[in-house]
Amino acid sequence: MSRLRDVLWRRAPLLLQALMAGCPGPTVAPEVPADWRRQVEQWRLERERSLRAEDGWLTLVALAWFGDDPLTVGTGDDVDVRLAAGSAPVRVGTFRVVDHRVLFEAAPGVQATVDGRSVEQVVLHTDADEQPDVVRVGRVSIFAIDRDGRLALRIKDPEAPARRRFHGLDWYPVDVRWRVAARYEPFDEPREVTIPTATGYDSRMVAPGRLVFELGGRSLSLVAFSEHAGEDGFFVVFRDRTSGETTYGAGRYLQVDPPRDGATVLDFNRAYNPPCAFTSLATCPYPPPENHLPVAIEAGEKAWRGAHAP
């Protein structure tokens, strides 16, 4: 009997491995790189720098949707989109939609550029193209955005009030417990998921699969978005029980590395606020119902003290 017990004991790891081969089992904590904490802290610094930048989200001063009529822009009283005094000419020019493209016509005497070239009239590529064309005049920059076929002008000013009053972000302490292993489960076919947005209109995003993970002994999952089946990583939009309490009410975002052998990592220490936390002029996607987590993710970026209510 003792000899049989010794044989079974030696073979126990192999027997356990064979039994578990056919089932996914619980996720395990991923190996932590030696410089992981430094990487997270550096990422947070870069996040703050991008917000402070002269063309960052804090510089948004206007979002104007096109209807049937053209839009005039400037600092005067008789324009459709009025900008801060001194930021641009009294009348910058006129923007109109022609064949689902935005045509810009500069007002007489206005010095406007696109890609460093002086322009009097130009058809603008929107942000749905590889790179939007940006009209620069005075200290403002103007470009066109496309949201599921709805066109708008977005205008940035480096002297925007939100940028001037920005004094930094608030974060939860970096904590390795919120670096969570995840298993990627692709759908049979990528799905178009309906997403609520800050504009009040629903949008659609492509989800090739979900990320399954464990927290506090609970099995959870998040629908992951990617236009390229996750080859370039995933974009996750989620809400949790800190939302509206210590974090931004509408939810937060997370970038996730591409899976290797079906595995990746959800590092919630890098969860960050959407642009609409800082301005009412953003068009943020909000989390779909599937991504409302029944747990508190006490990690990542907290609500900004001057946050715009969702």
C-alpha atoms as a PDB file:
ATOM      1  CA  MET A   1       0.000   0.000   0.000  1.00  0.00           C
ATOM      2  CA  SER A   2       2.811   2.438   0.871  1.00  0.00           C
ATOM      3  CA  ARG A   3       4.467   1.712  -2.484  1.00  0.00           C
ATOM      4  CA  LEU A   4       1.204   2.478  -4.346  1.00  0.00           C
ATOM      5  CA  ARG A   5       0.825   5.671  -2.335  1.00  0.00           C
ATOM      6  CA  ASP A   6       4.355   6.736  -3.299  1.00  0.00           C
ATOM      7  CA  VAL A   7       3.649   6.107  -7.003  1.00  0.00           C
ATOM      8  CA  LEU A   8       0.395   8.092  -6.881  1.00  0.00           C
ATOM      9  CA  TRP A   9       2.083  10.943  -5.036  1.00  0.00           C
ATOM     10  CA  ARG A  10       4.836  11.172  -7.674  1.00  0.00           C
ATOM     11  CA  ARG A  11       2.275  11.086 -10.475  1.00  0.00           C
ATOM     12  CA  ALA A  12      -0.199  13.505  -8.857  1.00  0.00           C
ATOM     13  CA  PRO A  13       0.933  16.586 -10.810  1.00  0.00           C
ATOM     14  CA  LEU A  14       0.599  14.700 -14.096  1.00  0.00           C
ATOM     15  CA  LEU A  15      -2.824  13.328 -13.145  1.00  0.00           C
ATOM     16  CA  LEU A  16      -4.036  16.805 -12.138  1.00  0.00           C
ATOM     17  CA  GLN A  17      -2.694  18.296 -15.372  1.00  0.00           C
ATOM     18  CA  ALA A  18      -4.527  15.645 -17.410  1.00  0.00           C
ATOM     19  CA  LEU A  19      -7.782  16.237 -15.550  1.00  0.00           C
ATOM     20  CA  MET A  20      -7.590  19.999 -16.165  1.00  0.00           C
ATOM     21  CA  ALA A  21      -6.512  19.798 -19.804  1.00  0.00           C
ATOM     22  CA  GLY A  22     -10.077  19.909 -21.075  1.00  0.00           C
ATOM     23  CA  CYS A  23     -11.316  22.855 -18.988  1.00  0.00           C
ATOM     24  CA  PRO A  24     -10.126  26.461 -18.749  1.00  0.00           C
ATOM     25  CA  GLY A  25      -9.933  26.557 -14.960  1.00  0.00           C
ATOM     26  CA  PRO A  26      -9.483  29.777 -12.984  1.00  0.00           C
ATOM     27  CA  THR A  27      -7.168  32.470 -14.238  1.00  0.00           C
ATOM     28  CA  VAL A  28      -3.906  32.842 -12.375  1.00  0.00           C
ATOM     29  CA  ALA A  29      -2.041  36.006 -11.460  1.00  0.00           C
ATOM     30  CA  PRO A  30       0.288  36.908 -14.366  1.00  0.00           C
ATOM     31  CA  GLU A  31       4.014  37.231 -13.879  1.00  0.00           C
ATOM     32  CA  VAL A  32       4.881  40.810 -12.975  1.00  0.00           C
ATOM     33  CA  PRO A  33       7.758  42.447 -14.905  1.00  0.00           C
ATOM     34  CA  ALA A  34      10.543  43.752 -12.688  1.00  0.00           C
ATOM     35  CA  ASP A  35       9.929  47.369 -13.751  1.00  0.00           C
ATOM     36  CA  TRP A  36       6.138  47.115 -13.842  1.00  0.00           C
ATOM     37  CA  ARG A  37       5.479  49.785 -11.220  1.00  0.00           C
ATOM     38  CA  ARG A  38       7.799  52.241 -12.972  1.00  0.00           C
ATOM     39  CA  GLN A  39       6.010  51.542 -16.271  1.00  0.00           C
ATOM     40  CA  VAL A  40       2.609  52.291 -14.746  1.00  0.00           C
ATOM     41  CA  GLU A  41       3.833  55.487 -13.111  1.00  0.00           C
ATOM     42  CA  GLN A  42       5.459  56.618 -16.382  1.00  0.00           C
ATOM     43  CA  TRP A  43       2.245  55.846 -18.271  1.00  0.00           C
ATOM     44  CA  ARG A  44       0.296  58.001 -15.811  1.00  0.00           C
ATOM     45  CA  LEU A  45       2.710  60.899 -16.353  1.00  0.00           C
ATOM     46  CA  GLU A  46       2.296  60.585 -20.123  1.00  0.00           C
ATOM     47  CA  ARG A  47      -1.479  60.476 -19.696  1.00  0.00           C
ATOM     48  CA  GLU A  48      -1.373  63.775 -17.824  1.00  0.00           C
ATOM     49  CA  ARG A  49       1.014  65.349 -20.350  1.00  0.00           C
ATOM     50  CA  SER A  50      -1.302  64.436 -23.228  1.00  0.00           C
ATOM     51  CA  LEU A  51      -4.189  66.184 -21.478  1.00  0.00           C
ATOM     52  CA  ARG A  52      -2.078  69.281 -20.846  1.00  0.00           C
ATOM     53  CA  ALA A  53      -0.847  69.403 -24.468  1.00  0.00           C
ATOM     54  CA  GLU A  54      -1.689  72.358 -26.724  1.00  0.00           C
ATOM     55  CA  ASP A  55      -3.952  70.095 -28.785  1.00  0.00           C
ATOM     56  CA  GLY A  56      -5.195  67.868 -25.933  1.00  0.00           C
ATOM     57  CA  TRP A  57      -8.782  67.247 -24.867  1.00  0.00           C
ATOM     58  CA  LEU A  58      -8.681  70.158 -22.452  1.00  0.00           C
ATOM     59  CA  THR A  59      -8.413  72.581 -25.387  1.00  0.00           C
ATOM     60  CA  LEU A  60     -11.843  71.796 -26.880  1.00  0.00           C
ATOM     61  CA  VAL A  61     -13.974  74.947 -27.106  1.00  0.00           C
ATOM     62  CA  ALA A  62     -16.662  74.082 -29.670  1.00  0.00           C
ATOM     63  CA  LEU A  63     -18.557  71.160 -31.173  1.00  0.00           C
ATOM     64  CA  ALA A  64     -21.019  72.170 -33.902  1.00  0.00           C
ATOM     65  CA  TRP A  65     -23.158  69.617 -35.756  1.00  0.00           C
ATOM     66  CA  PHE A  66     -24.083  70.235 -39.373  1.00  0.00           C
ATOM     67  CA  GLY A  67     -27.722  70.471 -40.365  1.00  0.00           C
ATOM     68  CA  ASP A  68     -28.984  71.561 -43.756  1.00  0.00           C
ATOM     69  CA  ASP A  69     -27.289  74.945 -43.578  1.00  0.00           C
ATOM     70  CA  PRO A  70     -23.589  75.873 -43.625  1.00  0.00           C
ATOM     71  CA  LEU A  71     -21.792  76.943 -40.460  1.00  0.00           C
ATOM     72  CA  THR A  72     -19.964  80.237 -40.078  1.00  0.00           C
ATOM     73  CA  VAL A  73     -17.166  80.503 -37.495  1.00  0.00           C
ATOM     74  CA  GLY A  74     -15.460  83.453 -35.850  1.00  0.00           C
ATOM     75  CA  THR A  75     -15.408  85.801 -32.869  1.00  0.00           C
ATOM     76  CA  GLY A  76     -18.062  88.188 -34.166  1.00  0.00           C
ATOM     77  CA  ASP A  77     -21.683  88.447 -33.104  1.00  0.00           C
ATOM     78  CA  ASP A  78     -23.167  87.290 -36.420  1.00  0.00           C
ATOM     79  CA  VAL A  79     -21.600  83.826 -36.747  1.00  0.00           C
ATOM     80  CA  ASP A  80     -23.036  80.387 -36.006  1.00  0.00           C
ATOM     81  CA  VAL A  81     -20.054  79.229 -33.937  1.00  0.00           C
ATOM     82  CA  ARG A  82     -18.728  82.054 -31.788  1.00  0.00           C
ATOM     83  CA  LEU A  83     -15.216  81.807 -30.382  1.00  0.00           C
ATOM     84  CA  ALA A  84     -13.439  83.686 -27.582  1.00  0.00           C
ATOM     85  CA  ALA A  85     -12.444  87.248 -28.384  1.00  0.00           C
ATOM     86  CA  GLY A  86      -8.891  87.470 -29.689  1.00  0.00           C
ATOM     87  CA  SER A  87      -8.619  83.759 -30.503  1.00  0.00           C
ATOM     88  CA  ALA A  88      -9.468  84.103 -34.218  1.00  0.00           C
ATOM     89  CA  PRO A  89     -10.695  86.649 -36.781  1.00  0.00           C
ATOM     90  CA  VAL A  90     -14.159  88.140 -36.449  1.00  0.00           C
ATOM     91  CA  ARG A  91     -15.193  85.843 -39.286  1.00  0.00           C
ATOM     92  CA  VAL A  92     -12.940  82.863 -40.027  1.00  0.00           C
ATOM     93  CA  GLY A  93     -15.030  81.573 -42.904  1.00  0.00           C
ATOM     94  CA  THR A  94     -17.817  79.195 -43.886  1.00  0.00           C
ATOM     95  CA  PHE A  95     -17.987  75.417 -43.617  1.00  0.00           C
ATOM     96  CA  ARG A  96     -20.585  73.502 -45.634  1.00  0.00           C
ATOM     97  CA  VAL A  97     -21.309  69.846 -46.433  1.00  0.00           C
ATOM     98  CA  VAL A  98     -20.989  68.866 -50.091  1.00  0.00           C
ATOM     99  CA  ASP A  99     -21.437  65.187 -51.035  1.00  0.00           C
ATOM    100  CA  HIS A 100     -20.748  64.193 -47.429  1.00  0.00           C
ATOM    101  CA  ARG A 101     -17.495  66.145 -47.426  1.00  0.00           C
ATOM    102  CA  VAL A 102     -16.841  69.376 -45.566  1.00  0.00           C
ATOM    103  CA  LEU A 103     -15.882  72.328 -47.748  1.00  0.00           C
ATOM    104  CA  PHE A 104     -14.109  75.273 -46.082  1.00  0.00           C
ATOM    105  CA  GLU A 105     -14.134  78.755 -47.629  1.00  0.00           C
ATOM    106  CA  ALA A 106     -12.005  81.364 -45.860  1.00  0.00           C
ATOM    107  CA  ALA A 107     -13.477  84.822 -45.315  1.00  0.00           C
ATOM    108  CA  PRO A 108     -11.836  87.601 -47.363  1.00  0.00           C
ATOM    109  CA  GLY A 109      -8.441  88.591 -45.984  1.00  0.00           C
ATOM    110  CA  VAL A 110      -8.224  85.653 -43.549  1.00  0.00           C
ATOM    111  CA  GLN A 111      -4.897  83.833 -43.363  1.00  0.00           C
ATOM    112  CA  ALA A 112      -5.805  80.155 -42.927  1.00  0.00           C
ATOM    113  CA  THR A 113      -3.568  77.111 -43.372  1.00  0.00           C
ATOM    114  CA  VAL A 114      -3.979  73.355 -43.739  1.00  0.00           C
ATOM    115  CA  ASP A 115      -0.809  71.294 -43.259  1.00  0.00           C
ATOM    116  CA  GLY A 116       1.201  74.498 -43.394  1.00  0.00           C
ATOM    117  CA  ARG A 117      -0.261  75.524 -46.779  1.00  0.00           C
ATOM    118  CA  SER A 118      -2.246  78.725 -47.143  1.00  0.00           C
ATOM    119  CA  VAL A 119      -5.785  77.978 -48.297  1.00  0.00           C
ATOM    120  CA  GLU A 120      -8.763  79.998 -49.439  1.00  0.00           C
ATOM    121  CA  GLN A 121     -10.984  77.017 -50.206  1.00  0.00           C
ATOM    122  CA  VAL A 122     -10.428  73.332 -49.477  1.00  0.00           C
ATOM    123  CA  VAL A 123     -12.329  70.066 -49.040  1.00  0.00           C
ATOM    124  CA  LEU A 124     -11.473  68.595 -45.637  1.00  0.00           C
ATOM    125  CA  HIS A 125     -10.886  64.970 -44.775  1.00  0.00           C
ATOM    126  CA  THR A 126     -12.709  64.049 -41.555  1.00  0.00           C
ATOM    127  CA  ASP A 127     -11.421  62.004 -38.630  1.00  0.00           C
ATOM    128  CA  ALA A 128     -13.049  58.975 -40.273  1.00  0.00           C
ATOM    129  CA  ASP A 129     -10.248  59.157 -42.813  1.00  0.00           C
ATOM    130  CA  GLU A 130      -6.719  58.156 -41.944  1.00  0.00           C
ATOM    131  CA  GLN A 131      -5.871  61.700 -40.861  1.00  0.00           C
ATOM    132  CA  PRO A 132      -8.274  64.677 -40.578  1.00  0.00           C
ATOM    133  CA  ASP A 133      -7.327  67.959 -42.229  1.00  0.00           C
ATOM    134  CA  VAL A 134      -6.893  70.725 -39.664  1.00  0.00           C
ATOM    135  CA  VAL A 135      -7.631  74.356 -40.498  1.00  0.00           C
ATOM    136  CA  ARG A 136      -5.432  76.676 -38.430  1.00  0.00           C
ATOM    137  CA  VAL A 137      -6.290  80.332 -38.086  1.00  0.00           C
ATOM    138  CA  GLY A 138      -5.410  82.715 -35.280  1.00  0.00           C
ATOM    139  CA  ARG A 139      -4.635  80.441 -32.341  1.00  0.00           C
ATOM    140  CA  VAL A 140      -7.462  77.956 -33.013  1.00  0.00           C
ATOM    141  CA  SER A 141      -7.539  74.705 -34.954  1.00  0.00           C
ATOM    142  CA  ILE A 142     -10.690  73.444 -36.669  1.00  0.00           C
ATOM    143  CA  PHE A 143     -11.405  70.003 -38.100  1.00  0.00           C
ATOM    144  CA  ALA A 144     -14.366  67.861 -39.113  1.00  0.00           C
ATOM    145  CA  ILE A 145     -15.507  64.693 -37.361  1.00  0.00           C
ATOM    146  CA  ASP A 146     -17.792  61.916 -38.572  1.00  0.00           C
ATOM    147  CA  ARG A 147     -19.924  59.972 -36.102  1.00  0.00           C
ATOM    148  CA  ASP A 148     -21.816  57.226 -37.923  1.00  0.00           C
ATOM    149  CA  GLY A 149     -22.511  59.556 -40.822  1.00  0.00           C
ATOM    150  CA  ARG A 150     -23.256  62.671 -38.724  1.00  0.00           C
ATOM    151  CA  LEU A 151     -20.763  65.434 -39.449  1.00  0.00           C
ATOM    152  CA  ALA A 152     -19.614  68.154 -37.065  1.00  0.00           C
ATOM    153  CA  LEU A 153     -16.887  70.737 -36.558  1.00  0.00           C
ATOM    154  CA  ARG A 154     -14.576  70.426 -33.593  1.00  0.00           C
ATOM    155  CA  ILE A 155     -12.543  73.456 -32.532  1.00  0.00           C
ATOM    156  CA  LYS A 156      -9.571  73.644 -30.164  1.00  0.00           C
ATOM    157  CA  ASP A 157      -7.975  76.636 -28.448  1.00  0.00           C
ATOM    158  CA  PRO A 158      -4.788  76.261 -26.352  1.00  0.00           C
ATOM    159  CA  GLU A 159      -6.090  79.072 -24.111  1.00  0.00           C
ATOM    160  CA  ALA A 160      -9.281  77.146 -23.293  1.00  0.00           C
ATOM    161  CA  PRO A 161     -10.531  77.650 -19.706  1.00  0.00           C
ATOM    162  CA  ALA A 162     -10.423  73.910 -18.966  1.00  0.00           C
ATOM    163  CA  ARG A 163      -6.722  73.779 -19.814  1.00  0.00           C
ATOM    164  CA  ARG A 164      -5.936  76.856 -17.727  1.00  0.00           C
ATOM    165  CA  ARG A 165      -7.650  75.483 -14.625  1.00  0.00           C
ATOM    166  CA  PHE A 166      -6.288  71.936 -14.918  1.00  0.00           C
ATOM    167  CA  HIS A 167      -4.147  71.034 -11.893  1.00  0.00           C
ATOM    168  CA  GLY A 168      -3.523  67.339 -12.444  1.00  0.00           C
ATOM    169  CA  LEU A 169      -5.296  64.005 -12.124  1.00  0.00           C
ATOM    170  CA  ASP A 170      -6.234  61.922  -9.093  1.00  0.00           C
ATOM    171  CA  TRP A 171      -5.320  58.227  -9.028  1.00  0.00           C
ATOM    172  CA  TYR A 172      -5.734  55.211  -6.821  1.00  0.00           C
ATOM    173  CA  PRO A 173      -2.345  53.969  -5.540  1.00  0.00           C
ATOM    174  CA  VAL A 174      -0.599  51.568  -7.902  1.00  0.00           C
ATOM    175  CA  ASP A 175      -1.461  48.087  -6.628  1.00  0.00           C
ATOM    176  CA  VAL A 176      -0.382  44.804  -8.205  1.00  0.00           C
ATOM    177  CA  ARG A 177      -3.606  43.136  -7.044  1.00  0.00           C
ATOM    178  CA  TRP A 178      -5.405  44.980  -9.851  1.00  0.00           C
ATOM    179  CA  ARG A 179      -3.147  43.456 -12.497  1.00  0.00           C
ATOM    180  CA  VAL A 180      -5.459  40.620 -13.468  1.00  0.00           C
ATOM    181  CA  ALA A 181      -4.978  37.670 -15.826  1.00  0.00           C
ATOM    182  CA  ALA A 182      -7.642  37.375 -18.519  1.00  0.00           C
ATOM    183  CA  ARG A 183      -8.598  34.717 -21.028  1.00  0.00           C
ATOM    184  CA  TYR A 184      -9.650  35.837 -24.487  1.00  0.00           C
ATOM    185  CA  GLU A 185     -12.731  34.071 -25.819  1.00  0.00           C
ATOM    186  CA  PRO A 186     -13.404  35.004 -29.454  1.00  0.00           C
ATOM    187  CA  PHE A 187     -16.966  34.995 -30.731  1.00  0.00           C
ATOM    188  CA  ASP A 188     -17.807  32.690 -33.620  1.00  0.00           C
ATOM    189  CA  GLU A 189     -18.018  35.870 -35.715  1.00  0.00           C
ATOM    190  CA  PRO A 190     -17.177  39.489 -34.746  1.00  0.00           C
ATOM    191  CA  ARG A 191     -20.258  41.313 -33.498  1.00  0.00           C
ATOM    192  CA  GLU A 192     -21.467  44.859 -34.003  1.00  0.00           C
ATOM    193  CA  VAL A 193     -22.445  46.061 -30.547  1.00  0.00           C
ATOM    194  CA  THR A 194     -24.750  49.037 -29.994  1.00  0.00           C
ATOM    195  CA  ILE A 195     -23.012  51.595 -27.787  1.00  0.00           C
ATOM    196  CA  PRO A 196     -24.593  54.598 -26.032  1.00  0.00           C
ATOM    197  CA  THR A 197     -22.598  57.807 -26.451  1.00  0.00           C
ATOM    198  CA  ALA A 198     -22.278  61.245 -24.898  1.00  0.00           C
ATOM    199  CA  THR A 199     -24.017  62.739 -27.949  1.00  0.00           C
ATOM    200  CA  GLY A 200     -27.299  61.077 -27.008  1.00  0.00           C
ATOM    201  CA  TYR A 201     -27.141  58.962 -30.159  1.00  0.00           C
ATOM    202  CA  ASP A 202     -26.200  55.293 -30.196  1.00  0.00           C
ATOM    203  CA  SER A 203     -23.154  54.161 -32.120  1.00  0.00           C
ATOM    204  CA  ARG A 204     -21.866  50.739 -33.134  1.00  0.00           C
ATOM    205  CA  MET A 205     -18.498  49.165 -32.415  1.00  0.00           C
ATOM    206  CA  VAL A 206     -16.963  45.878 -33.530  1.00  0.00           C
ATOM    207  CA  ALA A 207     -16.354  43.275 -30.812  1.00  0.00           C
ATOM    208  CA  PRO A 208     -14.408  40.155 -31.833  1.00  0.00           C
ATOM    209  CA  GLY A 209     -14.789  38.500 -28.407  1.00  0.00           C
ATOM    210  CA  ARG A 210     -14.781  38.866 -24.647  1.00  0.00           C
ATOM    211  CA  LEU A 211     -12.150  38.891 -21.908  1.00  0.00           C
ATOM    212  CA  VAL A 212     -12.901  36.516 -19.021  1.00  0.00           C
ATOM    213  CA  PHE A 213     -11.248  36.995 -15.633  1.00  0.00           C
ATOM    214  CA  GLU A 214     -11.695  36.468 -11.899  1.00  0.00           C
ATOM    215  CA  LEU A 215     -11.933  38.989  -9.080  1.00  0.00           C
ATOM    216  CA  GLY A 216     -12.641  38.111  -5.484  1.00  0.00           C
ATOM    217  CA  GLY A 217     -13.586  34.577  -6.436  1.00  0.00           C
ATOM    218  CA  ARG A 218     -16.135  35.786  -9.017  1.00  0.00           C
ATOM    219  CA  SER A 219     -15.959  34.982 -12.707  1.00  0.00           C
ATOM    220  CA  LEU A 220     -16.478  38.147 -14.755  1.00  0.00           C
ATOM    221  CA  SER A 221     -16.170  39.176 -18.374  1.00  0.00           C
ATOM    222  CA  LEU A 222     -15.893  42.278 -20.544  1.00  0.00           C
ATOM    223  CA  VAL A 223     -16.799  42.666 -24.191  1.00  0.00           C
ATOM    224  CA  ALA A 224     -13.617  43.779 -25.972  1.00  0.00           C
ATOM    225  CA  PHE A 225     -13.571  46.023 -29.035  1.00  0.00           C
ATOM    226  CA  SER A 226     -11.162  45.886 -31.948  1.00  0.00           C
ATOM    227  CA  GLU A 227     -11.349  46.513 -35.684  1.00  0.00           C
ATOM    228  CA  HIS A 228      -8.589  43.967 -36.279  1.00  0.00           C
ATOM    229  CA  ALA A 229      -9.678  40.901 -34.294  1.00  0.00           C
ATOM    230  CA  GLY A 230      -7.470  41.912 -31.373  1.00  0.00           C
ATOM    231  CA  GLU A 231      -4.227  41.748 -33.347  1.00  0.00           C
ATOM    232  CA  ASP A 232      -3.435  45.300 -32.216  1.00  0.00           C
ATOM    233  CA  GLY A 233      -4.959  44.835 -28.776  1.00  0.00           C
ATOM    234  CA  PHE A 234      -8.392  45.672 -27.391  1.00  0.00           C
ATOM    235  CA  PHE A 235     -10.315  48.730 -26.285  1.00  0.00           C
ATOM    236  CA  VAL A 236     -12.516  48.146 -23.245  1.00  0.00           C
ATOM    237  CA  VAL A 237     -15.269  50.490 -22.032  1.00  0.00           C
ATOM    238  CA  PHE A 238     -16.512  49.549 -18.567  1.00  0.00           C
ATOM    239  CA  ARG A 239     -18.494  50.726 -15.581  1.00  0.00           C
ATOM    240  CA  ASP A 240     -18.171  49.406 -12.021  1.00  0.00           C
ATOM    241  CA  ARG A 241     -19.397  50.134  -8.513  1.00  0.00           C
ATOM    242  CA  THR A 242     -16.988  53.019  -8.061  1.00  0.00           C
ATOM    243  CA  SER A 243     -18.613  54.848 -11.025  1.00  0.00           C
ATOM    244  CA  GLY A 244     -20.326  57.979  -9.805  1.00  0.00           C
ATOM    245  CA  GLU A 245     -18.671  57.587  -6.404  1.00  0.00           C
ATOM    246  CA  THR A 246     -14.887  57.844  -6.567  1.00  0.00           C
ATOM    247  CA  THR A 247     -14.596  57.495 -10.361  1.00  0.00           C
ATOM    248  CA  TYR A 248     -16.282  59.163 -13.317  1.00  0.00           C
ATOM    249  CA  GLY A 249     -19.972  58.354 -13.423  1.00  0.00           C
ATOM    250  CA  ALA A 250     -20.252  57.236 -17.047  1.00  0.00           C
ATOM    251  CA  GLY A 251     -17.421  54.711 -16.771  1.00  0.00           C
ATOM    252  CA  ARG A 252     -13.792  54.395 -17.761  1.00  0.00           C
ATOM    253  CA  TYR A 253     -11.588  53.065 -20.562  1.00  0.00           C
ATOM    254  CA  LEU A 254      -8.808  50.476 -20.649  1.00  0.00           C
ATOM    255  CA  GLN A 255      -6.348  49.474 -23.368  1.00  0.00           C
ATOM    256  CA  VAL A 256      -5.455  45.767 -23.376  1.00  0.00           C
ATOM    257  CA  ASP A 257      -2.504  44.075 -25.060  1.00  0.00           C
ATOM    258  CA  PRO A 258      -3.105  41.467 -27.797  1.00  0.00           C
ATOM    259  CA  PRO A 259      -3.553  37.932 -26.416  1.00  0.00           C
ATOM    260  CA  ARG A 260      -0.772  35.372 -26.537  1.00  0.00           C
ATOM    261  CA  ASP A 261      -1.964  31.779 -26.596  1.00  0.00           C
ATOM    262  CA  GLY A 262      -5.391  33.097 -25.622  1.00  0.00           C
ATOM    263  CA  ALA A 263      -4.122  34.967 -22.547  1.00  0.00           C
ATOM    264  CA  THR A 264      -3.642  38.649 -21.769  1.00  0.00           C
ATOM    265  CA  VAL A 265      -3.685  41.035 -18.793  1.00  0.00           C
ATOM    266  CA  LEU A 266      -6.236  43.555 -17.554  1.00  0.00           C
ATOM    267  CA  ASP A 267      -4.156  46.130 -15.703  1.00  0.00           C
ATOM    268  CA  PHE A 268      -6.838  48.248 -14.044  1.00  0.00           C
ATOM    269  CA  ASN A 269      -4.071  50.474 -12.649  1.00  0.00           C
ATOM    270  CA  ARG A 270      -4.178  51.991 -16.165  1.00  0.00           C
ATOM    271  CA  ALA A 271      -7.947  52.532 -16.289  1.00  0.00           C
ATOM    272  CA  TYR A 272      -8.571  56.105 -17.404  1.00  0.00           C
ATOM    273  CA  ASN A 273     -11.385  58.610 -17.807  1.00  0.00           C
ATOM    274  CA  PRO A 274     -13.036  59.265 -21.175  1.00  0.00           C
ATOM    275  CA  PRO A 275     -12.687  62.752 -22.685  1.00  0.00           C
ATOM    276  CA  CYS A 276     -16.267  63.591 -21.649  1.00  0.00           C
ATOM    277  CA  ALA A 277     -15.055  63.632 -18.035  1.00  0.00           C
ATOM    278  CA  PHE A 278     -13.278  66.873 -18.918  1.00  0.00           C
ATOM    279  CA  THR A 279     -15.586  68.500 -21.459  1.00  0.00           C
ATOM    280  CA  SER A 280     -19.206  68.425 -22.615  1.00  0.00           C
ATOM    281  CA  LEU A 281     -17.922  68.765 -26.182  1.00  0.00           C
ATOM    282  CA  ALA A 282     -16.661  65.174 -26.536  1.00  0.00           C
ATOM    283  CA  THR A 283     -18.548  62.331 -28.233  1.00  0.00           C
ATOM    284  CA  CYS A 284     -17.456  59.487 -25.938  1.00  0.00           C
ATOM    285  CA  PRO A 285     -18.739  55.927 -26.216  1.00  0.00           C
ATOM    286  CA  TYR A 286     -20.262  54.711 -22.957  1.00  0.00           C
ATOM    287  CA  PRO A 287     -20.166  51.109 -21.648  1.00  0.00           C
ATOM    288  CA  PRO A 288     -22.731  48.677 -23.055  1.00  0.00           C
ATOM    289  CA  PRO A 289     -24.827  46.846 -20.414  1.00  0.00           C
ATOM    290  CA  GLU A 290     -22.592  43.761 -20.757  1.00  0.00           C
ATOM    291  CA  ASN A 291     -19.675  45.787 -19.411  1.00  0.00           C
ATOM    292  CA  HIS A 292     -21.320  46.986 -16.185  1.00  0.00           C
ATOM    293  CA  LEU A 293     -19.289  45.138 -13.563  1.00  0.00           C
ATOM    294  CA  PRO A 294     -20.964  44.184 -10.248  1.00  0.00           C
ATOM    295  CA  VAL A 295     -17.741  44.890  -8.328  1.00  0.00           C
ATOM    296  CA  ALA A 296     -15.776  47.964  -7.290  1.00  0.00           C
ATOM    297  CA  ILE A 297     -12.588  48.438  -9.331  1.00  0.00           C
ATOM    298  CA  GLU A 298     -10.618  50.582  -6.873  1.00  0.00           C
ATOM    299  CA  ALA A 299      -7.765  51.171  -9.285  1.00  0.00           C
ATOM    300  CA  GLY A 300      -6.729  53.608 -11.982  1.00  0.00           C
ATOM    301  CA  GLU A 301      -7.905  57.157 -12.552  1.00  0.00           C
ATOM    302  CA  LYS A 302     -10.374  58.726 -10.145  1.00  0.00           C
ATOM    303  CA  ALA A 303     -12.992  61.338 -10.972  1.00  0.00           C
ATOM    304  CA  TRP A 304     -11.474  64.676 -11.929  1.00  0.00           C
ATOM    305  CA  ARG A 305     -12.325  67.404  -9.438  1.00  0.00           C
ATOM    306  CA  GLY A 306     -13.738  69.572 -12.220  1.00  0.00           C
ATOM    307  CA  ALA A 307     -15.396  66.663 -14.020  1.00  0.00           C
ATOM    308  CA  HIS A 308     -18.274  67.286 -16.406  1.00  0.00           C
ATOM    309  CA  ALA A 309     -21.322  65.293 -15.288  1.00  0.00           C
ATOM    310  CA  PRO A 310     -22.252  62.459 -17.676  1.00  0.00           C
END
